[in-house]
Amino acid sequence: MEDLSAKLEKLLTEADDCELIGKLATDLKKRELFKKLAIDLRSMAHDIQAMISTRKQEAVSHKIEAGRIMPKASQ
């Protein structure tokens, strides 16, 4: 999970950087390119955030299932 969190943080930082570069770019093509990159990076970050949430939910479900008492077999 730490690995995904690190990747998420990196993607969001890169998206912010691309957005800033796009705003500062004087060339229209470069401005549009960096704007598109920022959008794509945020989309990837959103996907990773969804994966993290799913894994957390699965971990909770497994803990709940592991904590249940199994009925004893009939004697």
N, C-alpha and C. Protein backbone atom coordinates (compact mmCIF):
# COMPACT_ATOMS: atom_id res chain seq x y z
N MET A 1 0.82 -1.19 0.00
CA MET A 1 0.00 0.00 0.00
C MET A 1 0.87 1.26 0.00
N GLU A 2 2.01 1.18 0.69
CA GLU A 2 2.91 2.33 0.73
C GLU A 2 3.39 2.69 -0.67
N ASP A 3 3.65 1.64 -1.46
CA ASP A 3 4.13 1.86 -2.83
C ASP A 3 3.08 2.62 -3.65
N LEU A 4 1.83 2.23 -3.52
CA LEU A 4 0.77 2.92 -4.25
C LEU A 4 0.59 4.35 -3.76
N SER A 5 0.70 4.54 -2.46
CA SER A 5 0.58 5.90 -1.92
C SER A 5 1.70 6.80 -2.42
N ALA A 6 2.90 6.24 -2.52
CA ALA A 6 4.03 7.01 -3.04
C ALA A 6 3.81 7.36 -4.51
N LYS A 7 3.31 6.40 -5.27
CA LYS A 7 3.03 6.65 -6.69
C LYS A 7 1.93 7.70 -6.85
N LEU A 8 0.93 7.62 -5.99
CA LEU A 8 -0.16 8.60 -6.04
C LEU A 8 0.38 10.00 -5.78
N GLU A 9 1.18 10.13 -4.74
CA GLU A 9 1.75 11.44 -4.41
C GLU A 9 2.62 11.97 -5.55
N LYS A 10 3.41 11.09 -6.15
CA LYS A 10 4.29 11.49 -7.26
C LYS A 10 3.47 11.97 -8.46
N LEU A 11 2.42 11.24 -8.80
CA LEU A 11 1.57 11.64 -9.93
C LEU A 11 0.91 12.98 -9.69
N LEU A 12 0.42 13.20 -8.48
CA LEU A 12 -0.23 14.47 -8.17
C LEU A 12 0.76 15.63 -8.22
N THR A 13 1.98 15.39 -7.74
CA THR A 13 3.02 16.42 -7.80
C THR A 13 3.37 16.74 -9.25
N GLU A 14 3.52 15.70 -10.06
CA GLU A 14 3.84 15.91 -11.46
C GLU A 14 2.70 16.62 -12.19
N ALA A 15 1.47 16.30 -11.84
CA ALA A 15 0.33 16.97 -12.45
C ALA A 15 0.33 18.46 -12.11
N ASP A 16 0.62 18.77 -10.85
CA ASP A 16 0.71 20.18 -10.44
C ASP A 16 1.83 20.90 -11.20
N ASP A 17 2.96 20.22 -11.34
CA ASP A 17 4.09 20.81 -12.07
C ASP A 17 3.72 21.07 -13.54
N CYS A 18 3.07 20.09 -14.16
CA CYS A 18 2.67 20.26 -15.57
C CYS A 18 1.67 21.40 -15.72
N GLU A 19 0.76 21.50 -14.78
CA GLU A 19 -0.22 22.59 -14.84
C GLU A 19 0.48 23.95 -14.74
N LEU A 20 1.43 24.05 -13.83
CA LEU A 20 2.17 25.30 -13.68
C LEU A 20 2.98 25.63 -14.93
N ILE A 21 3.67 24.63 -15.46
CA ILE A 21 4.46 24.84 -16.68
C ILE A 21 3.54 25.29 -17.82
N GLY A 22 2.38 24.66 -17.90
CA GLY A 22 1.42 25.05 -18.94
C GLY A 22 0.96 26.49 -18.80
N LYS A 23 0.75 26.91 -17.57
CA LYS A 23 0.32 28.30 -17.34
C LYS A 23 1.41 29.30 -17.69
N LEU A 24 2.66 28.88 -17.48
CA LEU A 24 3.78 29.79 -17.74
C LEU A 24 4.27 29.75 -19.18
N ALA A 25 3.87 28.73 -19.93
CA ALA A 25 4.34 28.57 -21.30
C ALA A 25 3.81 29.70 -22.19
N THR A 26 4.67 30.22 -23.02
CA THR A 26 4.25 31.27 -23.94
C THR A 26 3.80 30.69 -25.28
N ASP A 27 4.29 29.51 -25.60
CA ASP A 27 3.92 28.83 -26.84
C ASP A 27 2.58 28.12 -26.63
N LEU A 28 1.61 28.38 -27.50
CA LEU A 28 0.27 27.82 -27.35
C LEU A 28 0.28 26.29 -27.39
N LYS A 29 1.09 25.70 -28.29
CA LYS A 29 1.15 24.23 -28.38
C LYS A 29 1.69 23.62 -27.10
N LYS A 30 2.73 24.23 -26.54
CA LYS A 30 3.30 23.73 -25.29
C LYS A 30 2.31 23.89 -24.14
N ARG A 31 1.59 25.00 -24.15
CA ARG A 31 0.59 25.24 -23.11
C ARG A 31 -0.47 24.14 -23.14
N GLU A 32 -0.96 23.82 -24.31
CA GLU A 32 -1.97 22.76 -24.46
C GLU A 32 -1.40 21.39 -24.11
N LEU A 33 -0.16 21.14 -24.50
CA LEU A 33 0.49 19.86 -24.20
C LEU A 33 0.59 19.65 -22.69
N PHE A 34 1.06 20.63 -21.96
CA PHE A 34 1.21 20.49 -20.52
C PHE A 34 -0.13 20.44 -19.81
N LYS A 35 -1.13 21.13 -20.35
CA LYS A 35 -2.47 21.05 -19.79
C LYS A 35 -3.01 19.63 -19.93
N LYS A 36 -2.81 19.03 -21.10
CA LYS A 36 -3.25 17.65 -21.35
C LYS A 36 -2.49 16.67 -20.46
N LEU A 37 -1.19 16.88 -20.31
CA LEU A 37 -0.40 16.01 -19.43
C LEU A 37 -0.92 16.07 -18.00
N ALA A 38 -1.24 17.26 -17.52
CA ALA A 38 -1.76 17.41 -16.16
C ALA A 38 -3.08 16.66 -16.00
N ILE A 39 -3.94 16.76 -16.99
CA ILE A 39 -5.22 16.04 -16.95
C ILE A 39 -5.00 14.54 -16.93
N ASP A 40 -4.11 14.05 -17.78
CA ASP A 40 -3.83 12.61 -17.85
C ASP A 40 -3.21 12.10 -16.55
N LEU A 41 -2.29 12.87 -15.97
CA LEU A 41 -1.66 12.47 -14.72
C LEU A 41 -2.69 12.43 -13.58
N ARG A 42 -3.59 13.38 -13.55
CA ARG A 42 -4.63 13.38 -12.51
C ARG A 42 -5.59 12.20 -12.70
N SER A 43 -5.84 11.84 -13.94
CA SER A 43 -6.68 10.67 -14.21
C SER A 43 -6.01 9.40 -13.68
N MET A 44 -4.72 9.27 -13.94
CA MET A 44 -3.98 8.11 -13.42
C MET A 44 -3.98 8.12 -11.89
N ALA A 45 -3.82 9.29 -11.29
CA ALA A 45 -3.83 9.40 -9.84
C ALA A 45 -5.20 8.98 -9.29
N HIS A 46 -6.25 9.36 -9.99
CA HIS A 46 -7.60 8.97 -9.57
C HIS A 46 -7.73 7.44 -9.59
N ASP A 47 -7.20 6.80 -10.62
CA ASP A 47 -7.25 5.34 -10.72
C ASP A 47 -6.48 4.68 -9.57
N ILE A 48 -5.33 5.22 -9.24
CA ILE A 48 -4.54 4.67 -8.14
C ILE A 48 -5.26 4.88 -6.82
N GLN A 49 -5.90 6.04 -6.64
CA GLN A 49 -6.66 6.29 -5.41
C GLN A 49 -7.78 5.28 -5.27
N ALA A 50 -8.43 4.95 -6.38
CA ALA A 50 -9.50 3.94 -6.36
C ALA A 50 -8.94 2.57 -5.98
N MET A 51 -7.76 2.24 -6.49
CA MET A 51 -7.13 0.97 -6.12
C MET A 51 -6.81 0.92 -4.64
N ILE A 52 -6.29 2.01 -4.10
CA ILE A 52 -5.97 2.08 -2.68
C ILE A 52 -7.24 1.88 -1.85
N SER A 53 -8.31 2.55 -2.22
CA SER A 53 -9.57 2.43 -1.49
C SER A 53 -10.11 1.00 -1.54
N THR A 54 -10.03 0.38 -2.71
CA THR A 54 -10.49 -1.00 -2.86
C THR A 54 -9.68 -1.93 -1.99
N ARG A 55 -8.37 -1.76 -1.98
CA ARG A 55 -7.51 -2.63 -1.17
C ARG A 55 -7.78 -2.43 0.32
N LYS A 56 -8.05 -1.21 0.74
CA LYS A 56 -8.37 -0.96 2.14
C LYS A 56 -9.68 -1.66 2.52
N GLN A 57 -10.67 -1.56 1.63
CA GLN A 57 -11.95 -2.22 1.90
C GLN A 57 -11.79 -3.73 1.96
N GLU A 58 -10.98 -4.28 1.05
CA GLU A 58 -10.74 -5.72 1.05
C GLU A 58 -10.03 -6.15 2.32
N ALA A 59 -9.08 -5.35 2.79
CA ALA A 59 -8.35 -5.68 4.01
C ALA A 59 -9.29 -5.69 5.21
N VAL A 60 -10.20 -4.74 5.26
CA VAL A 60 -11.17 -4.69 6.36
C VAL A 60 -12.08 -5.91 6.28
N SER A 61 -12.53 -6.26 5.09
CA SER A 61 -13.41 -7.42 4.93
C SER A 61 -12.72 -8.70 5.37
N HIS A 62 -11.44 -8.83 5.02
CA HIS A 62 -10.70 -10.03 5.41
C HIS A 62 -10.51 -10.09 6.92
N LYS A 63 -10.29 -8.95 7.55
CA LYS A 63 -10.14 -8.92 9.00
C LYS A 63 -11.45 -9.32 9.68
N ILE A 64 -12.56 -8.83 9.15
CA ILE A 64 -13.86 -9.17 9.72
C ILE A 64 -14.11 -10.65 9.57
N GLU A 65 -13.84 -11.19 8.39
CA GLU A 65 -14.05 -12.62 8.16
C GLU A 65 -13.13 -13.46 9.04
N ALA A 66 -11.91 -13.04 9.21
CA ALA A 66 -10.95 -13.79 10.03
C ALA A 66 -11.35 -13.76 11.49
N GLY A 67 -12.05 -12.71 11.91
CA GLY A 67 -12.44 -12.59 13.31
C GLY A 67 -13.72 -13.34 13.67
N ARG A 68 -14.41 -13.86 12.71
CA ARG A 68 -15.65 -14.61 12.99
C ARG A 68 -15.32 -15.97 13.61
N ILE A 69 -16.17 -16.36 14.51
CA ILE A 69 -15.99 -17.67 15.15
C ILE A 69 -16.70 -18.69 14.28
N MET A 70 -15.96 -19.71 13.91
CA MET A 70 -16.54 -20.77 13.09
C MET A 70 -17.28 -21.74 14.00
N PRO A 71 -18.45 -22.18 13.62
CA PRO A 71 -19.19 -23.14 14.47
C PRO A 71 -18.44 -24.46 14.55
N LYS A 72 -18.55 -25.09 15.73
CA LYS A 72 -17.90 -26.39 15.93
C LYS A 72 -18.68 -27.44 15.15
N ALA A 73 -17.96 -28.44 14.70
CA ALA A 73 -18.59 -29.54 13.98
C ALA A 73 -19.44 -30.36 14.94
N SER A 74 -20.52 -30.91 14.46
CA SER A 74 -21.40 -31.73 15.30
C SER A 74 -20.65 -32.95 15.77
N GLN A 75 -20.88 -33.29 17.04
CA GLN A 75 -20.19 -34.46 17.60
C GLN A 75 -21.06 -35.67 17.57
